[in-house]
Amino acid sequence: MGKVMNQTEKKKKAILETTFALLNEKEIKDITIEEIAEKAEVSKVTLFKYYLNKNHLMKLVIFRAFEHMAEEIEQILDGNLDFEATYHAITQMKLAQIEQYSPIFTENLMSEYTNDPEFFDSDTINLQSEIYKKLFEKGKKEGKISSGFSEEDFLFIIHIFAEGMKGFTADTLFAKTDVLTKFFVNGLR
């Protein structure tokens, strides 16, 4: 079996899980440190021993959700799927992930990102860039991406796609995944 958790790990886990649950229930501005401490069954002193402040805690919880998504994408990229199937699988996985979060969680994520552009620190940005660079290399190698496109062009197009998708519900995006994939893949040839 897994290793036994010590008290510190148990408390940290309880705080993170409670914060994640609350982020799925209400807006960040309506979540208090008192509420987190009470629901996680720790004192405020304990909470502040591990986390600098409410903002730090929110960022950490959202970042961990993002990191989990990145790990799943890495697995898809390292699989044997061709470029088109890989792109499609990544899109489906992202949408499935978003479906797991409540609309409020997604809103919290977006509002944190909007209010604090530094929210996704350089590590997160690099993580995302690495993923898209791998995808670009796969597409180039298979001849699915025209030699006229540079990696910079590819990242620019991905960025426009990602920004454009923000205005739609997950349901709409799910329904249009195939259209988007075809358009995206054919446009790169």
C-alpha atoms as a PDB file:
ATOM      1  CA  MET A   1       0.000   0.000   0.000  1.00  0.00           C
ATOM      2  CA  GLY A   2       0.986   3.684  -0.265  1.00  0.00           C
ATOM      3  CA  LYS A   3       3.014   5.337   2.416  1.00  0.00           C
ATOM      4  CA  VAL A   4       1.258   6.508   5.533  1.00  0.00           C
ATOM      5  CA  MET A   5       0.574  10.233   5.565  1.00  0.00           C
ATOM      6  CA  ASN A   6       1.917  12.236   8.462  1.00  0.00           C
ATOM      7  CA  GLN A   7      -0.164  14.916  10.224  1.00  0.00           C
ATOM      8  CA  THR A   8       1.333  17.764   8.173  1.00  0.00           C
ATOM      9  CA  GLU A   9       0.542  16.011   4.880  1.00  0.00           C
ATOM     10  CA  LYS A  10      -2.977  15.165   6.089  1.00  0.00           C
ATOM     11  CA  LYS A  11      -3.640  18.779   7.033  1.00  0.00           C
ATOM     12  CA  LYS A  12      -2.230  20.131   3.769  1.00  0.00           C
ATOM     13  CA  LYS A  13      -4.298  17.624   1.783  1.00  0.00           C
ATOM     14  CA  ALA A  14      -7.449  18.576   3.702  1.00  0.00           C
ATOM     15  CA  ILE A  15      -6.806  22.288   3.055  1.00  0.00           C
ATOM     16  CA  LEU A  16      -6.187  21.748  -0.676  1.00  0.00           C
ATOM     17  CA  GLU A  17      -9.205  19.461  -1.117  1.00  0.00           C
ATOM     18  CA  THR A  18     -11.468  21.827   0.810  1.00  0.00           C
ATOM     19  CA  THR A  19     -10.264  24.774  -1.259  1.00  0.00           C
ATOM     20  CA  PHE A  20     -10.837  22.836  -4.490  1.00  0.00           C
ATOM     21  CA  ALA A  21     -14.378  21.906  -3.371  1.00  0.00           C
ATOM     22  CA  LEU A  22     -15.132  25.537  -2.480  1.00  0.00           C
ATOM     23  CA  LEU A  23     -13.745  26.752  -5.821  1.00  0.00           C
ATOM     24  CA  ASN A  24     -16.335  24.497  -7.452  1.00  0.00           C
ATOM     25  CA  GLU A  25     -19.128  25.999  -5.333  1.00  0.00           C
ATOM     26  CA  LYS A  26     -18.590  29.746  -5.179  1.00  0.00           C
ATOM     27  CA  GLU A  27     -16.637  32.688  -6.477  1.00  0.00           C
ATOM     28  CA  ILE A  28     -13.173  33.303  -5.055  1.00  0.00           C
ATOM     29  CA  LYS A  29     -14.232  36.629  -3.521  1.00  0.00           C
ATOM     30  CA  ASP A  30     -16.906  34.775  -1.501  1.00  0.00           C
ATOM     31  CA  ILE A  31     -14.493  32.186  -0.101  1.00  0.00           C
ATOM     32  CA  THR A  32     -12.889  33.066   3.217  1.00  0.00           C
ATOM     33  CA  ILE A  33      -9.821  31.691   4.944  1.00  0.00           C
ATOM     34  CA  GLU A  34     -12.039  31.099   8.013  1.00  0.00           C
ATOM     35  CA  GLU A  35     -14.374  28.909   5.970  1.00  0.00           C
ATOM     36  CA  ILE A  36     -11.493  26.899   4.486  1.00  0.00           C
ATOM     37  CA  ALA A  37      -9.926  26.370   7.918  1.00  0.00           C
ATOM     38  CA  GLU A  38     -13.248  25.362   9.476  1.00  0.00           C
ATOM     39  CA  LYS A  39     -14.194  22.890   6.711  1.00  0.00           C
ATOM     40  CA  ALA A  40     -10.668  21.438   6.558  1.00  0.00           C
ATOM     41  CA  GLU A  41     -10.749  21.127  10.357  1.00  0.00           C
ATOM     42  CA  VAL A  42      -7.534  23.057  10.897  1.00  0.00           C
ATOM     43  CA  SER A  43      -6.804  26.321  12.644  1.00  0.00           C
ATOM     44  CA  LYS A  44      -6.151  29.535  10.713  1.00  0.00           C
ATOM     45  CA  VAL A  45      -2.666  29.513  12.238  1.00  0.00           C
ATOM     46  CA  THR A  46      -2.016  26.078  10.712  1.00  0.00           C
ATOM     47  CA  LEU A  47      -3.341  27.218   7.362  1.00  0.00           C
ATOM     48  CA  PHE A  48      -1.032  30.236   7.315  1.00  0.00           C
ATOM     49  CA  LYS A  49       1.879  28.031   8.332  1.00  0.00           C
ATOM     50  CA  TYR A  50       1.629  26.259   4.958  1.00  0.00           C
ATOM     51  CA  TYR A  51       0.181  28.957   2.690  1.00  0.00           C
ATOM     52  CA  LEU A  52       1.142  32.627   2.532  1.00  0.00           C
ATOM     53  CA  ASN A  53      -2.392  33.934   2.030  1.00  0.00           C
ATOM     54  CA  LYS A  54      -5.710  33.217   0.365  1.00  0.00           C
ATOM     55  CA  ASN A  55      -4.379  34.208  -3.060  1.00  0.00           C
ATOM     56  CA  HIS A  56      -1.411  31.846  -2.755  1.00  0.00           C
ATOM     57  CA  LEU A  57      -3.722  28.985  -1.797  1.00  0.00           C
ATOM     58  CA  MET A  58      -6.151  29.652  -4.685  1.00  0.00           C
ATOM     59  CA  LYS A  59      -3.310  29.808  -7.200  1.00  0.00           C
ATOM     60  CA  LEU A  60      -1.818  26.577  -5.908  1.00  0.00           C
ATOM     61  CA  VAL A  61      -5.094  24.654  -6.126  1.00  0.00           C
ATOM     62  CA  ILE A  62      -5.861  25.922  -9.630  1.00  0.00           C
ATOM     63  CA  PHE A  63      -2.285  25.290 -10.754  1.00  0.00           C
ATOM     64  CA  ARG A  64      -2.443  21.691  -9.517  1.00  0.00           C
ATOM     65  CA  ALA A  65      -5.608  21.127 -11.564  1.00  0.00           C
ATOM     66  CA  PHE A  66      -3.789  22.589 -14.567  1.00  0.00           C
ATOM     67  CA  GLU A  67      -0.713  20.452 -13.928  1.00  0.00           C
ATOM     68  CA  HIS A  68      -2.858  17.319 -13.800  1.00  0.00           C
ATOM     69  CA  MET A  69      -4.277  18.236 -17.212  1.00  0.00           C
ATOM     70  CA  ALA A  70      -0.757  18.776 -18.587  1.00  0.00           C
ATOM     71  CA  GLU A  71       0.305  15.304 -17.405  1.00  0.00           C
ATOM     72  CA  GLU A  72      -2.632  13.742 -19.243  1.00  0.00           C
ATOM     73  CA  ILE A  73      -1.752  15.687 -22.404  1.00  0.00           C
ATOM     74  CA  GLU A  74       1.856  14.464 -22.173  1.00  0.00           C
ATOM     75  CA  GLN A  75       0.565  10.873 -22.145  1.00  0.00           C
ATOM     76  CA  ILE A  76      -1.518  11.523 -25.272  1.00  0.00           C
ATOM     77  CA  LEU A  77       1.466  13.140 -27.018  1.00  0.00           C
ATOM     78  CA  ASP A  78       3.723  10.221 -26.180  1.00  0.00           C
ATOM     79  CA  GLY A  79       1.179   7.738 -27.547  1.00  0.00           C
ATOM     80  CA  ASN A  80       1.115   6.270 -31.055  1.00  0.00           C
ATOM     81  CA  LEU A  81      -1.645   8.474 -32.447  1.00  0.00           C
ATOM     82  CA  ASP A  82      -1.014  10.482 -35.602  1.00  0.00           C
ATOM     83  CA  PHE A  83      -1.051  14.284 -35.541  1.00  0.00           C
ATOM     84  CA  GLU A  84      -4.762  14.703 -36.259  1.00  0.00           C
ATOM     85  CA  ALA A  85      -5.835  12.042 -33.755  1.00  0.00           C
ATOM     86  CA  THR A  86      -3.443  13.524 -31.159  1.00  0.00           C
ATOM     87  CA  TYR A  87      -4.845  17.038 -31.605  1.00  0.00           C
ATOM     88  CA  HIS A  88      -8.390  15.656 -31.415  1.00  0.00           C
ATOM     89  CA  ALA A  89      -7.598  13.604 -28.277  1.00  0.00           C
ATOM     90  CA  ILE A  90      -6.020  16.612 -26.533  1.00  0.00           C
ATOM     91  CA  THR A  91      -9.050  18.790 -27.358  1.00  0.00           C
ATOM     92  CA  GLN A  92     -11.467  16.100 -26.120  1.00  0.00           C
ATOM     93  CA  MET A  93      -9.449  15.594 -22.938  1.00  0.00           C
ATOM     94  CA  LYS A  94      -9.384  19.342 -22.191  1.00  0.00           C
ATOM     95  CA  LEU A  95     -13.142  19.565 -22.669  1.00  0.00           C
ATOM     96  CA  ALA A  96     -13.718  16.478 -20.506  1.00  0.00           C
ATOM     97  CA  GLN A  97     -11.526  18.064 -17.832  1.00  0.00           C
ATOM     98  CA  ILE A  98     -13.518  21.300 -17.994  1.00  0.00           C
ATOM     99  CA  GLU A  99     -16.728  19.274 -17.624  1.00  0.00           C
ATOM    100  CA  GLN A 100     -15.371  17.822 -14.364  1.00  0.00           C
ATOM    101  CA  TYR A 101     -15.073  21.311 -12.953  1.00  0.00           C
ATOM    102  CA  SER A 102     -18.206  23.233 -12.195  1.00  0.00           C
ATOM    103  CA  PRO A 103     -18.925  26.340 -14.304  1.00  0.00           C
ATOM    104  CA  ILE A 104     -17.988  28.351 -11.214  1.00  0.00           C
ATOM    105  CA  PHE A 105     -14.564  26.687 -11.018  1.00  0.00           C
ATOM    106  CA  THR A 106     -13.907  27.505 -14.670  1.00  0.00           C
ATOM    107  CA  GLU A 107     -15.107  31.066 -14.041  1.00  0.00           C
ATOM    108  CA  ASN A 108     -12.791  31.332 -11.025  1.00  0.00           C
ATOM    109  CA  LEU A 109      -9.912  30.089 -13.127  1.00  0.00           C
ATOM    110  CA  MET A 110     -10.673  32.604 -15.877  1.00  0.00           C
ATOM    111  CA  SER A 111     -11.182  35.497 -13.478  1.00  0.00           C
ATOM    112  CA  GLU A 112      -7.905  34.740 -11.674  1.00  0.00           C
ATOM    113  CA  TYR A 113      -6.186  34.641 -15.038  1.00  0.00           C
ATOM    114  CA  THR A 114      -7.839  37.884 -16.205  1.00  0.00           C
ATOM    115  CA  ASN A 115      -7.224  39.769 -12.956  1.00  0.00           C
ATOM    116  CA  ASP A 116      -3.685  38.508 -12.643  1.00  0.00           C
ATOM    117  CA  PRO A 117      -1.919  37.826 -15.952  1.00  0.00           C
ATOM    118  CA  GLU A 118       1.016  36.545 -13.903  1.00  0.00           C
ATOM    119  CA  PHE A 119      -1.387  33.930 -12.551  1.00  0.00           C
ATOM    120  CA  PHE A 120      -0.005  31.293 -14.863  1.00  0.00           C
ATOM    121  CA  ASP A 121       3.632  31.756 -13.945  1.00  0.00           C
ATOM    122  CA  SER A 122       6.497  31.047 -16.306  1.00  0.00           C
ATOM    123  CA  ASP A 123       6.509  27.351 -15.317  1.00  0.00           C
ATOM    124  CA  THR A 124       2.920  26.956 -16.461  1.00  0.00           C
ATOM    125  CA  ILE A 125       3.501  28.911 -19.648  1.00  0.00           C
ATOM    126  CA  ASN A 126       6.604  26.810 -20.384  1.00  0.00           C
ATOM    127  CA  LEU A 127       4.673  23.616 -19.684  1.00  0.00           C
ATOM    128  CA  GLN A 128       2.037  24.667 -22.216  1.00  0.00           C
ATOM    129  CA  SER A 129       4.657  25.767 -24.771  1.00  0.00           C
ATOM    130  CA  GLU A 130       6.465  22.434 -24.462  1.00  0.00           C
ATOM    131  CA  ILE A 131       3.221  20.574 -25.137  1.00  0.00           C
ATOM    132  CA  TYR A 132       2.498  22.612 -28.269  1.00  0.00           C
ATOM    133  CA  LYS A 133       6.094  22.367 -29.467  1.00  0.00           C
ATOM    134  CA  LYS A 134       5.852  18.570 -29.258  1.00  0.00           C
ATOM    135  CA  LEU A 135       2.567  18.679 -31.153  1.00  0.00           C
ATOM    136  CA  PHE A 136       4.165  20.938 -33.792  1.00  0.00           C
ATOM    137  CA  GLU A 137       7.136  18.572 -34.215  1.00  0.00           C
ATOM    138  CA  LYS A 138       4.753  15.616 -34.597  1.00  0.00           C
ATOM    139  CA  GLY A 139       2.744  17.456 -37.273  1.00  0.00           C
ATOM    140  CA  LYS A 140       5.887  18.565 -39.130  1.00  0.00           C
ATOM    141  CA  LYS A 141       7.384  15.067 -39.071  1.00  0.00           C
ATOM    142  CA  GLU A 142       4.193  13.552 -40.503  1.00  0.00           C
ATOM    143  CA  GLY A 143       3.975  16.255 -43.181  1.00  0.00           C
ATOM    144  CA  LYS A 144       0.635  17.472 -41.751  1.00  0.00           C
ATOM    145  CA  ILE A 145       2.017  20.961 -41.154  1.00  0.00           C
ATOM    146  CA  SER A 146       3.213  22.898 -44.178  1.00  0.00           C
ATOM    147  CA  SER A 147       6.927  23.713 -44.243  1.00  0.00           C
ATOM    148  CA  GLY A 148       5.783  27.321 -44.695  1.00  0.00           C
ATOM    149  CA  PHE A 149       4.730  27.456 -41.033  1.00  0.00           C
ATOM    150  CA  SER A 150       7.280  28.151 -38.315  1.00  0.00           C
ATOM    151  CA  GLU A 151       6.902  27.009 -34.721  1.00  0.00           C
ATOM    152  CA  GLU A 152       6.159  30.635 -33.860  1.00  0.00           C
ATOM    153  CA  ASP A 153       3.333  30.707 -36.448  1.00  0.00           C
ATOM    154  CA  PHE A 154       1.911  27.498 -34.987  1.00  0.00           C
ATOM    155  CA  LEU A 155       1.942  28.851 -31.420  1.00  0.00           C
ATOM    156  CA  PHE A 156       0.332  32.083 -32.669  1.00  0.00           C
ATOM    157  CA  ILE A 157      -2.511  30.129 -34.339  1.00  0.00           C
ATOM    158  CA  ILE A 158      -3.000  27.947 -31.229  1.00  0.00           C
ATOM    159  CA  HIS A 159      -3.205  31.126 -29.122  1.00  0.00           C
ATOM    160  CA  ILE A 160      -5.886  32.625 -31.386  1.00  0.00           C
ATOM    161  CA  PHE A 161      -7.854  29.361 -31.268  1.00  0.00           C
ATOM    162  CA  ALA A 162      -7.614  29.169 -27.467  1.00  0.00           C
ATOM    163  CA  GLU A 163      -8.648  32.807 -26.998  1.00  0.00           C
ATOM    164  CA  GLY A 164     -11.557  32.404 -29.395  1.00  0.00           C
ATOM    165  CA  MET A 165     -12.888  29.354 -27.556  1.00  0.00           C
ATOM    166  CA  LYS A 166     -13.185  31.163 -24.232  1.00  0.00           C
ATOM    167  CA  GLY A 167     -16.546  32.683 -25.133  1.00  0.00           C
ATOM    168  CA  PHE A 168     -18.309  29.341 -25.663  1.00  0.00           C
ATOM    169  CA  THR A 169     -19.849  26.810 -23.304  1.00  0.00           C
ATOM    170  CA  ALA A 170     -18.234  23.391 -22.957  1.00  0.00           C
ATOM    171  CA  ASP A 171     -21.343  21.851 -24.597  1.00  0.00           C
ATOM    172  CA  THR A 172     -20.973  23.990 -27.711  1.00  0.00           C
ATOM    173  CA  LEU A 173     -17.270  23.224 -27.929  1.00  0.00           C
ATOM    174  CA  PHE A 174     -17.925  19.494 -27.472  1.00  0.00           C
ATOM    175  CA  ALA A 175     -20.454  19.545 -30.303  1.00  0.00           C
ATOM    176  CA  LYS A 176     -18.023  21.359 -32.608  1.00  0.00           C
ATOM    177  CA  THR A 177     -14.782  19.526 -31.750  1.00  0.00           C
ATOM    178  CA  ASP A 178     -14.711  17.629 -35.052  1.00  0.00           C
ATOM    179  CA  VAL A 179     -15.306  20.771 -37.087  1.00  0.00           C
ATOM    180  CA  LEU A 180     -12.578  22.623 -35.213  1.00  0.00           C
ATOM    181  CA  THR A 181     -10.126  19.748 -35.596  1.00  0.00           C
ATOM    182  CA  LYS A 182     -10.754  19.450 -39.349  1.00  0.00           C
ATOM    183  CA  PHE A 183     -10.476  23.184 -39.863  1.00  0.00           C
ATOM    184  CA  PHE A 184      -7.334  23.420 -37.767  1.00  0.00           C
ATOM    185  CA  VAL A 185      -5.579  20.403 -39.311  1.00  0.00           C
ATOM    186  CA  ASN A 186      -6.541  21.211 -42.903  1.00  0.00           C
ATOM    187  CA  GLY A 187      -5.566  24.847 -42.448  1.00  0.00           C
ATOM    188  CA  LEU A 188      -2.059  23.789 -41.406  1.00  0.00           C
ATOM    189  CA  ARG A 189      -1.481  21.733 -44.542  1.00  0.00           C
END
